[in-house]
Full PDB file with SEQRES, HELIX, SHEET, SSBOND, CRYST1, ORIGX, SCALE, CONECT and MASTER records, all heavy atoms in Angstrom:
SEQRES   1 A   36  HIS PRO GLY GLY SER LEU ARG LEU SER CYS ALA ALA SER          
SEQRES   2 A   36  GLY ILE ILE PHE SER ILE THR THR MET ALA TRP TYR ARG          
SEQRES   3 A   36  GLN ALA PRO GLY LYS GLN ARG GLU LEU VAL                      
HELIX    1 AA1 PHE A   17  ILE A   19  5                                   3    
SHEET    1 AA1 2 TYR A  25  GLN A  27  0                                        
SHEET    2 AA1 2 ARG A  33  LEU A  35 -1                                        
CRYST1    1.000    1.000    1.000  90.00  90.00  90.00 P 1           1          
ORIGX1      1.000000  0.000000  0.000000        0.00000                         
ORIGX2      0.000000  1.000000  0.000000        0.00000                         
ORIGX3      0.000000  0.000000  1.000000        0.00000                         
SCALE1      1.000000  0.000000  0.000000        0.00000                         
SCALE2      0.000000  1.000000  0.000000        0.00000                         
SCALE3      0.000000  0.000000  1.000000        0.00000                         
ATOM      1  N   HIS A   1     -15.832  -6.785   8.663  1.00  0.00           N  
ATOM      2  CA  HIS A   1     -16.598  -7.696   8.071  1.00  0.00           C  
ATOM      3  C   HIS A   1     -16.706  -7.577   6.539  1.00  0.00           C  
ATOM      4  O   HIS A   1     -16.458  -6.430   6.036  1.00  0.00           O  
ATOM      5  CB  HIS A   1     -18.107  -7.628   8.537  1.00  0.00           C  
ATOM      6  CG  HIS A   1     -18.192  -7.908  10.082  1.00  0.00           C  
ATOM      7  ND1 HIS A   1     -17.617  -9.101  10.597  1.00  0.00           N  
ATOM      8  CD2 HIS A   1     -18.794  -7.212  11.062  1.00  0.00           C  
ATOM      9  CE1 HIS A   1     -17.984  -9.005  12.005  1.00  0.00           C  
ATOM     10  NE2 HIS A   1     -18.613  -8.000  12.230  1.00  0.00           N  
ATOM     11  N   PRO A   2     -16.919  -8.692   5.795  1.00  0.00           N  
ATOM     12  CA  PRO A   2     -17.119  -8.496   4.359  1.00  0.00           C  
ATOM     13  C   PRO A   2     -18.062  -7.397   4.103  1.00  0.00           C  
ATOM     14  O   PRO A   2     -19.157  -7.224   4.619  1.00  0.00           O  
ATOM     15  CB  PRO A   2     -17.660  -9.904   4.024  1.00  0.00           C  
ATOM     16  CG  PRO A   2     -17.103 -10.901   5.049  1.00  0.00           C  
ATOM     17  CD  PRO A   2     -17.071 -10.002   6.254  1.00  0.00           C  
ATOM     18  N   GLY A   3     -17.731  -6.609   3.101  1.00  0.00           N  
ATOM     19  CA  GLY A   3     -18.525  -5.492   2.601  1.00  0.00           C  
ATOM     20  C   GLY A   3     -18.260  -4.172   3.279  1.00  0.00           C  
ATOM     21  O   GLY A   3     -18.639  -3.060   2.985  1.00  0.00           O  
ATOM     22  N   GLY A   4     -17.325  -4.270   4.351  1.00  0.00           N  
ATOM     23  CA  GLY A   4     -16.961  -3.116   4.901  1.00  0.00           C  
ATOM     24  C   GLY A   4     -15.839  -2.213   4.414  1.00  0.00           C  
ATOM     25  O   GLY A   4     -15.337  -2.735   3.256  1.00  0.00           O  
ATOM     26  N   SER A   5     -15.422  -1.158   5.013  1.00  0.00           N  
ATOM     27  CA  SER A   5     -14.453  -0.286   4.474  1.00  0.00           C  
ATOM     28  C   SER A   5     -13.330   0.026   5.416  1.00  0.00           C  
ATOM     29  O   SER A   5     -13.460  -0.008   6.546  1.00  0.00           O  
ATOM     30  CB  SER A   5     -15.063   1.084   3.995  1.00  0.00           C  
ATOM     31  OG  SER A   5     -15.973   0.814   2.912  1.00  0.00           O  
ATOM     32  N   LEU A   6     -12.059   0.206   4.900  1.00  0.00           N  
ATOM     33  CA  LEU A   6     -10.922   0.775   5.535  1.00  0.00           C  
ATOM     34  C   LEU A   6     -10.302   1.770   4.772  1.00  0.00           C  
ATOM     35  O   LEU A   6     -10.225   1.698   3.522  1.00  0.00           O  
ATOM     36  CB  LEU A   6      -9.970  -0.258   5.917  1.00  0.00           C  
ATOM     37  CG  LEU A   6     -10.367  -1.336   7.094  1.00  0.00           C  
ATOM     38  CD1 LEU A   6      -9.362  -2.480   7.129  1.00  0.00           C  
ATOM     39  CD2 LEU A   6     -10.448  -0.576   8.346  1.00  0.00           C  
ATOM     40  N   ARG A   7      -9.509   2.650   5.429  1.00  0.00           N  
ATOM     41  CA  ARG A   7      -8.689   3.731   4.802  1.00  0.00           C  
ATOM     42  C   ARG A   7      -7.260   3.532   5.345  1.00  0.00           C  
ATOM     43  O   ARG A   7      -7.140   3.852   6.632  1.00  0.00           O  
ATOM     44  CB  ARG A   7      -9.284   4.986   4.859  1.00  0.00           C  
ATOM     45  CG  ARG A   7      -8.488   6.072   4.026  1.00  0.00           C  
ATOM     46  CD  ARG A   7      -9.072   7.515   4.180  1.00  0.00           C  
ATOM     47  NE  ARG A   7      -8.383   8.519   3.354  1.00  0.00           N  
ATOM     48  CZ  ARG A   7      -8.602   8.816   2.037  1.00  0.00           C  
ATOM     49  NH1 ARG A   7      -9.653   8.164   1.505  1.00  0.00           N  
ATOM     50  NH2 ARG A   7      -7.963   9.506   1.375  1.00  0.00           N  
ATOM     51  N   LEU A   8      -6.360   3.109   4.541  1.00  0.00           N  
ATOM     52  CA  LEU A   8      -4.993   3.037   4.900  1.00  0.00           C  
ATOM     53  C   LEU A   8      -4.185   4.204   4.474  1.00  0.00           C  
ATOM     54  O   LEU A   8      -4.460   4.917   3.607  1.00  0.00           O  
ATOM     55  CB  LEU A   8      -4.400   1.930   4.161  1.00  0.00           C  
ATOM     56  CG  LEU A   8      -5.008   0.558   4.196  1.00  0.00           C  
ATOM     57  CD1 LEU A   8      -4.188  -0.604   3.637  1.00  0.00           C  
ATOM     58  CD2 LEU A   8      -5.266   0.139   5.668  1.00  0.00           C  
ATOM     59  N   SER A   9      -3.218   4.628   5.387  1.00  0.00           N  
ATOM     60  CA  SER A   9      -2.408   5.748   5.150  1.00  0.00           C  
ATOM     61  C   SER A   9      -1.008   5.403   5.306  1.00  0.00           C  
ATOM     62  O   SER A   9      -0.562   4.550   6.043  1.00  0.00           O  
ATOM     63  CB  SER A   9      -2.738   6.832   6.175  1.00  0.00           C  
ATOM     64  OG  SER A   9      -2.052   8.112   5.802  1.00  0.00           O  
ATOM     65  N   CYS A  10      -0.165   6.032   4.482  1.00  0.00           N  
ATOM     66  CA  CYS A  10       1.331   5.787   4.501  1.00  0.00           C  
ATOM     67  C   CYS A  10       2.000   7.144   4.459  1.00  0.00           C  
ATOM     68  O   CYS A  10       1.742   7.989   3.604  1.00  0.00           O  
ATOM     69  CB  CYS A  10       1.743   5.058   3.213  1.00  0.00           C  
ATOM     70  SG  CYS A  10       3.467   4.986   2.869  1.00  0.00           S  
ATOM     71  N   ALA A  11       2.809   7.314   5.427  1.00  0.00           N  
ATOM     72  CA  ALA A  11       3.558   8.480   5.638  1.00  0.00           C  
ATOM     73  C   ALA A  11       5.101   8.220   5.181  1.00  0.00           C  
ATOM     74  O   ALA A  11       5.622   7.219   5.666  1.00  0.00           O  
ATOM     75  CB  ALA A  11       3.613   9.045   7.037  1.00  0.00           C  
ATOM     76  N   ALA A  12       5.590   8.988   4.321  1.00  0.00           N  
ATOM     77  CA  ALA A  12       6.932   8.684   3.690  1.00  0.00           C  
ATOM     78  C   ALA A  12       7.735   9.920   3.955  1.00  0.00           C  
ATOM     79  O   ALA A  12       7.432  11.019   4.146  1.00  0.00           O  
ATOM     80  CB  ALA A  12       6.713   8.593   2.103  1.00  0.00           C  
ATOM     81  N   SER A  13       9.067   9.502   3.979  1.00  0.00           N  
ATOM     82  CA  SER A  13      10.117  10.359   4.261  1.00  0.00           C  
ATOM     83  C   SER A  13      11.397  10.025   3.444  1.00  0.00           C  
ATOM     84  O   SER A  13      11.477   8.742   3.123  1.00  0.00           O  
ATOM     85  CB  SER A  13      10.456  10.687   5.738  1.00  0.00           C  
ATOM     86  OG  SER A  13      10.938   9.488   6.334  1.00  0.00           O  
ATOM     87  N   GLY A  14      12.420  10.906   3.298  1.00  0.00           N  
ATOM     88  CA  GLY A  14      13.592  10.445   2.601  1.00  0.00           C  
ATOM     89  C   GLY A  14      13.537  10.500   1.160  1.00  0.00           C  
ATOM     90  O   GLY A  14      14.425   9.990   0.565  1.00  0.00           O  
ATOM     91  N   ILE A  15      12.469  11.024   0.578  1.00  0.00           N  
ATOM     92  CA  ILE A  15      12.339  11.064  -0.951  1.00  0.00           C  
ATOM     93  C   ILE A  15      11.893  12.513  -1.343  1.00  0.00           C  
ATOM     94  O   ILE A  15      11.352  13.254  -0.586  1.00  0.00           O  
ATOM     95  CB  ILE A  15      11.424  10.010  -1.436  1.00  0.00           C  
ATOM     96  CG1 ILE A  15      10.017  10.135  -0.745  1.00  0.00           C  
ATOM     97  CG2 ILE A  15      12.056   8.614  -1.242  1.00  0.00           C  
ATOM     98  CD1 ILE A  15       8.980   9.269  -1.314  1.00  0.00           C  
ATOM     99  N   ILE A  16      12.015  12.849  -2.560  1.00  0.00           N  
ATOM    100  CA  ILE A  16      11.344  13.959  -3.156  1.00  0.00           C  
ATOM    101  C   ILE A  16      10.003  13.410  -3.549  1.00  0.00           C  
ATOM    102  O   ILE A  16       9.707  12.909  -4.660  1.00  0.00           O  
ATOM    103  CB  ILE A  16      12.061  14.448  -4.362  1.00  0.00           C  
ATOM    104  CG1 ILE A  16      13.551  14.767  -4.016  1.00  0.00           C  
ATOM    105  CG2 ILE A  16      11.337  15.830  -4.913  1.00  0.00           C  
ATOM    106  CD1 ILE A  16      13.647  15.855  -2.978  1.00  0.00           C  
ATOM    107  N   PHE A  17       9.027  13.538  -2.538  1.00  0.00           N  
ATOM    108  CA  PHE A  17       7.734  12.841  -2.566  1.00  0.00           C  
ATOM    109  C   PHE A  17       6.990  13.302  -3.890  1.00  0.00           C  
ATOM    110  O   PHE A  17       6.286  12.374  -4.481  1.00  0.00           O  
ATOM    111  CB  PHE A  17       6.958  13.106  -1.385  1.00  0.00           C  
ATOM    112  CG  PHE A  17       5.697  12.298  -1.298  1.00  0.00           C  
ATOM    113  CD1 PHE A  17       5.651  10.949  -0.882  1.00  0.00           C  
ATOM    114  CD2 PHE A  17       4.513  12.879  -1.721  1.00  0.00           C  
ATOM    115  CE1 PHE A  17       4.458  10.324  -0.779  1.00  0.00           C  
ATOM    116  CE2 PHE A  17       3.339  12.185  -1.582  1.00  0.00           C  
ATOM    117  CZ  PHE A  17       3.333  11.030  -1.174  1.00  0.00           C  
ATOM    118  N   SER A  18       6.981  14.559  -4.219  1.00  0.00           N  
ATOM    119  CA  SER A  18       6.049  15.055  -5.119  1.00  0.00           C  
ATOM    120  C   SER A  18       6.453  14.487  -6.517  1.00  0.00           C  
ATOM    121  O   SER A  18       5.513  14.548  -7.443  1.00  0.00           O  
ATOM    122  CB  SER A  18       6.025  16.519  -5.196  1.00  0.00           C  
ATOM    123  OG  SER A  18       7.418  17.042  -5.426  1.00  0.00           O  
ATOM    124  N   ILE A  19       7.619  13.951  -6.769  1.00  0.00           N  
ATOM    125  CA  ILE A  19       7.923  13.375  -8.125  1.00  0.00           C  
ATOM    126  C   ILE A  19       8.140  11.980  -8.110  1.00  0.00           C  
ATOM    127  O   ILE A  19       8.717  11.345  -9.023  1.00  0.00           O  
ATOM    128  CB  ILE A  19       9.112  14.165  -8.731  1.00  0.00           C  
ATOM    129  CG1 ILE A  19      10.342  14.025  -7.876  1.00  0.00           C  
ATOM    130  CG2 ILE A  19       8.754  15.675  -8.991  1.00  0.00           C  
ATOM    131  CD1 ILE A  19      11.528  14.459  -8.501  1.00  0.00           C  
ATOM    132  N   THR A  20       7.760  11.288  -7.037  1.00  0.00           N  
ATOM    133  CA  THR A  20       8.012   9.861  -6.871  1.00  0.00           C  
ATOM    134  C   THR A  20       6.680   9.037  -6.985  1.00  0.00           C  
ATOM    135  O   THR A  20       5.722   9.398  -6.392  1.00  0.00           O  
ATOM    136  CB  THR A  20       8.642   9.537  -5.444  1.00  0.00           C  
ATOM    137  OG1 THR A  20       9.847  10.306  -5.399  1.00  0.00           O  
ATOM    138  CG2 THR A  20       8.909   8.097  -5.229  1.00  0.00           C  
ATOM    139  N   THR A  21       6.811   8.008  -7.823  1.00  0.00           N  
ATOM    140  CA  THR A  21       5.637   7.084  -7.927  1.00  0.00           C  
ATOM    141  C   THR A  21       5.555   6.317  -6.731  1.00  0.00           C  
ATOM    142  O   THR A  21       6.558   5.574  -6.331  1.00  0.00           O  
ATOM    143  CB  THR A  21       5.792   6.221  -9.096  1.00  0.00           C  
ATOM    144  OG1 THR A  21       5.886   6.967 -10.342  1.00  0.00           O  
ATOM    145  CG2 THR A  21       4.648   5.287  -9.249  1.00  0.00           C  
ATOM    146  N   MET A  22       4.418   6.296  -6.167  1.00  0.00           N  
ATOM    147  CA  MET A  22       4.157   5.504  -4.852  1.00  0.00           C  
ATOM    148  C   MET A  22       3.138   4.399  -5.129  1.00  0.00           C  
ATOM    149  O   MET A  22       2.336   4.475  -6.047  1.00  0.00           O  
ATOM    150  CB  MET A  22       3.606   6.373  -3.727  1.00  0.00           C  
ATOM    151  CG  MET A  22       4.612   7.551  -3.244  1.00  0.00           C  
ATOM    152  SD  MET A  22       6.156   6.853  -2.697  1.00  0.00           S  
ATOM    153  CE  MET A  22       5.519   5.971  -1.087  1.00  0.00           C  
ATOM    154  N   ALA A  23       3.260   3.364  -4.292  1.00  0.00           N  
ATOM    155  CA  ALA A  23       2.379   2.103  -4.484  1.00  0.00           C  
ATOM    156  C   ALA A  23       2.008   1.572  -3.078  1.00  0.00           C  
ATOM    157  O   ALA A  23       2.768   1.688  -2.194  1.00  0.00           O  
ATOM    158  CB  ALA A  23       2.937   1.200  -5.464  1.00  0.00           C  
ATOM    159  N   TRP A  24       0.870   0.874  -3.274  1.00  0.00           N  
ATOM    160  CA  TRP A  24       0.468   0.078  -2.166  1.00  0.00           C  
ATOM    161  C   TRP A  24       0.595  -1.490  -2.525  1.00  0.00           C  
ATOM    162  O   TRP A  24       0.257  -1.774  -3.667  1.00  0.00           O  
ATOM    163  CB  TRP A  24      -0.955   0.152  -1.739  1.00  0.00           C  
ATOM    164  CG  TRP A  24      -1.084   1.390  -0.793  1.00  0.00           C  
ATOM    165  CD1 TRP A  24      -1.476   2.647  -1.022  1.00  0.00           C  
ATOM    166  CD2 TRP A  24      -0.912   1.382   0.756  1.00  0.00           C  
ATOM    167  NE1 TRP A  24      -1.591   3.387   0.031  1.00  0.00           N  
ATOM    168  CE2 TRP A  24      -1.162   2.667   1.115  1.00  0.00           C  
ATOM    169  CE3 TRP A  24      -0.568   0.361   1.606  1.00  0.00           C  
ATOM    170  CZ2 TRP A  24      -1.205   3.001   2.551  1.00  0.00           C  
ATOM    171  CZ3 TRP A  24      -0.473   0.724   2.967  1.00  0.00           C  
ATOM    172  CH2 TRP A  24      -0.791   2.020   3.276  1.00  0.00           C  
ATOM    173  N   TYR A  25       1.228  -2.268  -1.843  1.00  0.00           N  
ATOM    174  CA  TYR A  25       1.413  -3.678  -1.900  1.00  0.00           C  
ATOM    175  C   TYR A  25       0.677  -4.510  -0.974  1.00  0.00           C  
ATOM    176  O   TYR A  25       0.371  -3.976   0.124  1.00  0.00           O  
ATOM    177  CB  TYR A  25       2.871  -4.019  -2.151  1.00  0.00           C  
ATOM    178  CG  TYR A  25       3.778  -3.243  -3.035  1.00  0.00           C  
ATOM    179  CD1 TYR A  25       4.143  -1.941  -2.716  1.00  0.00           C  
ATOM    180  CD2 TYR A  25       4.133  -3.907  -4.307  1.00  0.00           C  
ATOM    181  CE1 TYR A  25       4.872  -1.260  -3.606  1.00  0.00           C  
ATOM    182  CE2 TYR A  25       4.932  -3.122  -5.160  1.00  0.00           C  
ATOM    183  CZ  TYR A  25       5.321  -1.882  -4.865  1.00  0.00           C  
ATOM    184  OH  TYR A  25       6.174  -1.168  -5.626  1.00  0.00           O  
ATOM    185  N   ARG A  26       0.424  -5.777  -1.185  1.00  0.00           N  
ATOM    186  CA  ARG A  26      -0.017  -6.701  -0.256  1.00  0.00           C  
ATOM    187  C   ARG A  26       0.532  -8.119  -0.249  1.00  0.00           C  
ATOM    188  O   ARG A  26       0.855  -8.421  -1.441  1.00  0.00           O  
ATOM    189  CB  ARG A  26      -1.574  -6.637  -0.183  1.00  0.00           C  
ATOM    190  CG  ARG A  26      -2.275  -7.324  -1.372  1.00  0.00           C  
ATOM    191  CD  ARG A  26      -3.770  -7.217  -1.401  1.00  0.00           C  
ATOM    192  NE  ARG A  26      -4.382  -7.949  -2.445  1.00  0.00           N  
ATOM    193  CZ  ARG A  26      -5.677  -7.813  -2.707  1.00  0.00           C  
ATOM    194  NH1 ARG A  26      -6.490  -7.128  -1.859  1.00  0.00           N  
ATOM    195  NH2 ARG A  26      -6.212  -8.523  -3.698  1.00  0.00           N  
ATOM    196  N   GLN A  27       0.539  -8.699   0.831  1.00  0.00           N  
ATOM    197  CA  GLN A  27       0.961 -10.112   0.770  1.00  0.00           C  
ATOM    198  C   GLN A  27       0.050 -10.916   1.659  1.00  0.00           C  
ATOM    199  O   GLN A  27      -0.106 -10.626   2.820  1.00  0.00           O  
ATOM    200  CB  GLN A  27       2.441 -10.241   1.376  1.00  0.00           C  
ATOM    201  CG  GLN A  27       2.912 -11.687   1.176  1.00  0.00           C  
ATOM    202  CD  GLN A  27       4.408 -11.736   1.386  1.00  0.00           C  
ATOM    203  OE1 GLN A  27       5.013 -10.990   2.015  1.00  0.00           O  
ATOM    204  NE2 GLN A  27       5.089 -12.848   0.801  1.00  0.00           N  
ATOM    205  N   ALA A  28      -0.769 -11.838   0.959  1.00  0.00           N  
ATOM    206  CA  ALA A  28      -1.607 -12.646   1.693  1.00  0.00           C  
ATOM    207  C   ALA A  28      -1.004 -13.827   2.198  1.00  0.00           C  
ATOM    208  O   ALA A  28       0.029 -14.265   1.525  1.00  0.00           O  
ATOM    209  CB  ALA A  28      -2.865 -12.920   0.736  1.00  0.00           C  
ATOM    210  N   PRO A  29      -1.659 -14.605   3.123  1.00  0.00           N  
ATOM    211  CA  PRO A  29      -1.016 -15.791   3.523  1.00  0.00           C  
ATOM    212  C   PRO A  29      -0.675 -16.879   2.462  1.00  0.00           C  
ATOM    213  O   PRO A  29      -1.669 -17.139   1.704  1.00  0.00           O  
ATOM    214  CB  PRO A  29      -1.924 -16.340   4.610  1.00  0.00           C  
ATOM    215  CG  PRO A  29      -2.765 -15.087   5.075  1.00  0.00           C  
ATOM    216  CD  PRO A  29      -2.816 -14.244   3.947  1.00  0.00           C  
ATOM    217  N   GLY A  30       0.510 -17.405   2.327  1.00  0.00           N  
ATOM    218  CA  GLY A  30       0.830 -18.331   1.278  1.00  0.00           C  
ATOM    219  C   GLY A  30       0.911 -17.827  -0.099  1.00  0.00           C  
ATOM    220  O   GLY A  30       1.058 -18.673  -0.990  1.00  0.00           O  
ATOM    221  N   LYS A  31       0.910 -16.469  -0.264  1.00  0.00           N  
ATOM    222  CA  LYS A  31       0.981 -15.999  -1.546  1.00  0.00           C  
ATOM    223  C   LYS A  31       2.186 -14.976  -1.662  1.00  0.00           C  
ATOM    224  O   LYS A  31       2.727 -14.489  -0.707  1.00  0.00           O  
ATOM    225  CB  LYS A  31      -0.334 -15.235  -1.837  1.00  0.00           C  
ATOM    226  CG  LYS A  31      -1.511 -16.173  -2.068  1.00  0.00           C  
ATOM    227  CD  LYS A  31      -2.704 -15.397  -2.555  1.00  0.00           C  
ATOM    228  CE  LYS A  31      -3.840 -16.440  -2.620  1.00  0.00           C  
ATOM    229  NZ  LYS A  31      -5.142 -15.624  -3.235  1.00  0.00           N  
ATOM    230  N   GLN A  32       2.575 -14.676  -2.934  1.00  0.00           N  
ATOM    231  CA  GLN A  32       3.554 -13.708  -3.203  1.00  0.00           C  
ATOM    232  C   GLN A  32       3.052 -12.253  -2.903  1.00  0.00           C  
ATOM    233  O   GLN A  32       1.865 -11.987  -3.115  1.00  0.00           O  
ATOM    234  CB  GLN A  32       4.114 -13.738  -4.590  1.00  0.00           C  
ATOM    235  CG  GLN A  32       4.652 -15.178  -4.904  1.00  0.00           C  
ATOM    236  CD  GLN A  32       5.998 -15.331  -4.152  1.00  0.00           C  
ATOM    237  OE1 GLN A  32       6.849 -14.424  -4.080  1.00  0.00           O  
ATOM    238  NE2 GLN A  32       6.206 -16.483  -3.671  1.00  0.00           N  
ATOM    239  N   ARG A  33       3.938 -11.287  -2.686  1.00  0.00           N  
ATOM    240  CA  ARG A  33       3.585  -9.943  -2.456  1.00  0.00           C  
ATOM    241  C   ARG A  33       3.266  -9.474  -3.863  1.00  0.00           C  
ATOM    242  O   ARG A  33       3.811  -9.767  -5.039  1.00  0.00           O  
ATOM    243  CB  ARG A  33       4.746  -9.176  -2.117  1.00  0.00           C  
ATOM    244  CG  ARG A  33       4.435  -7.653  -1.929  1.00  0.00           C  
ATOM    245  CD  ARG A  33       5.643  -6.990  -1.263  1.00  0.00           C  
ATOM    246  NE  ARG A  33       5.793  -7.149   0.113  1.00  0.00           N  
ATOM    247  CZ  ARG A  33       6.845  -7.816   0.660  1.00  0.00           C  
ATOM    248  NH1 ARG A  33       7.824  -8.220  -0.117  1.00  0.00           N  
ATOM    249  NH2 ARG A  33       6.760  -8.077   1.958  1.00  0.00           N  
ATOM    250  N   GLU A  34       2.125  -8.603  -3.907  1.00  0.00           N  
ATOM    251  CA  GLU A  34       1.584  -8.110  -5.284  1.00  0.00           C  
ATOM    252  C   GLU A  34       1.425  -6.652  -5.134  1.00  0.00           C  
ATOM    253  O   GLU A  34       1.129  -6.210  -4.033  1.00  0.00           O  
ATOM    254  CB  GLU A  34       0.347  -8.867  -5.671  1.00  0.00           C  
ATOM    255  CG  GLU A  34      -0.816  -8.660  -4.702  1.00  0.00           C  
ATOM    256  CD  GLU A  34      -2.085  -9.163  -5.147  1.00  0.00           C  
ATOM    257  OE1 GLU A  34      -2.317  -9.389  -6.495  1.00  0.00           O  
ATOM    258  OE2 GLU A  34      -3.083  -9.412  -4.388  1.00  0.00           O  
ATOM    259  N   LEU A  35       1.453  -6.031  -6.225  1.00  0.00           N  
ATOM    260  CA  LEU A  35       1.157  -4.593  -6.396  1.00  0.00           C  
ATOM    261  C   LEU A  35      -0.355  -4.589  -6.445  1.00  0.00           C  
ATOM    262  O   LEU A  35      -1.039  -4.930  -7.297  1.00  0.00           O  
ATOM    263  CB  LEU A  35       1.918  -3.873  -7.498  1.00  0.00           C  
ATOM    264  CG  LEU A  35       1.895  -2.326  -7.587  1.00  0.00           C  
ATOM    265  CD1 LEU A  35       3.054  -1.890  -8.209  1.00  0.00           C  
ATOM    266  CD2 LEU A  35       0.634  -1.865  -8.357  1.00  0.00           C  
ATOM    267  N   VAL A  36      -0.873  -3.648  -5.510  1.00  0.00           N  
ATOM    268  CA  VAL A  36      -2.330  -3.273  -5.489  1.00  0.00           C  
ATOM    269  C   VAL A  36      -2.708  -2.196  -6.290  1.00  0.00           C  
ATOM    270  O   VAL A  36      -3.709  -2.273  -6.948  1.00  0.00           O  
ATOM    271  CB  VAL A  36      -2.846  -3.336  -4.038  1.00  0.00           C  
ATOM    272  CG1 VAL A  36      -4.406  -2.900  -3.978  1.00  0.00           C  
ATOM    273  CG2 VAL A  36      -2.470  -4.581  -3.293  1.00  0.00           C  
TER     274      VAL A  36                                                      
MASTER        0    0    0    1    2    0    0    6  273    1    0    3          
END                                                                             
């Protein structure tokens, strides 16, 4: 519901994770993907 909370998690492999810039993106209906 509006006002609520969620925690998303991303597990990565195949990279040197500790030196890699990571990001979350989102794509809403009818819109372009954006960096969050």
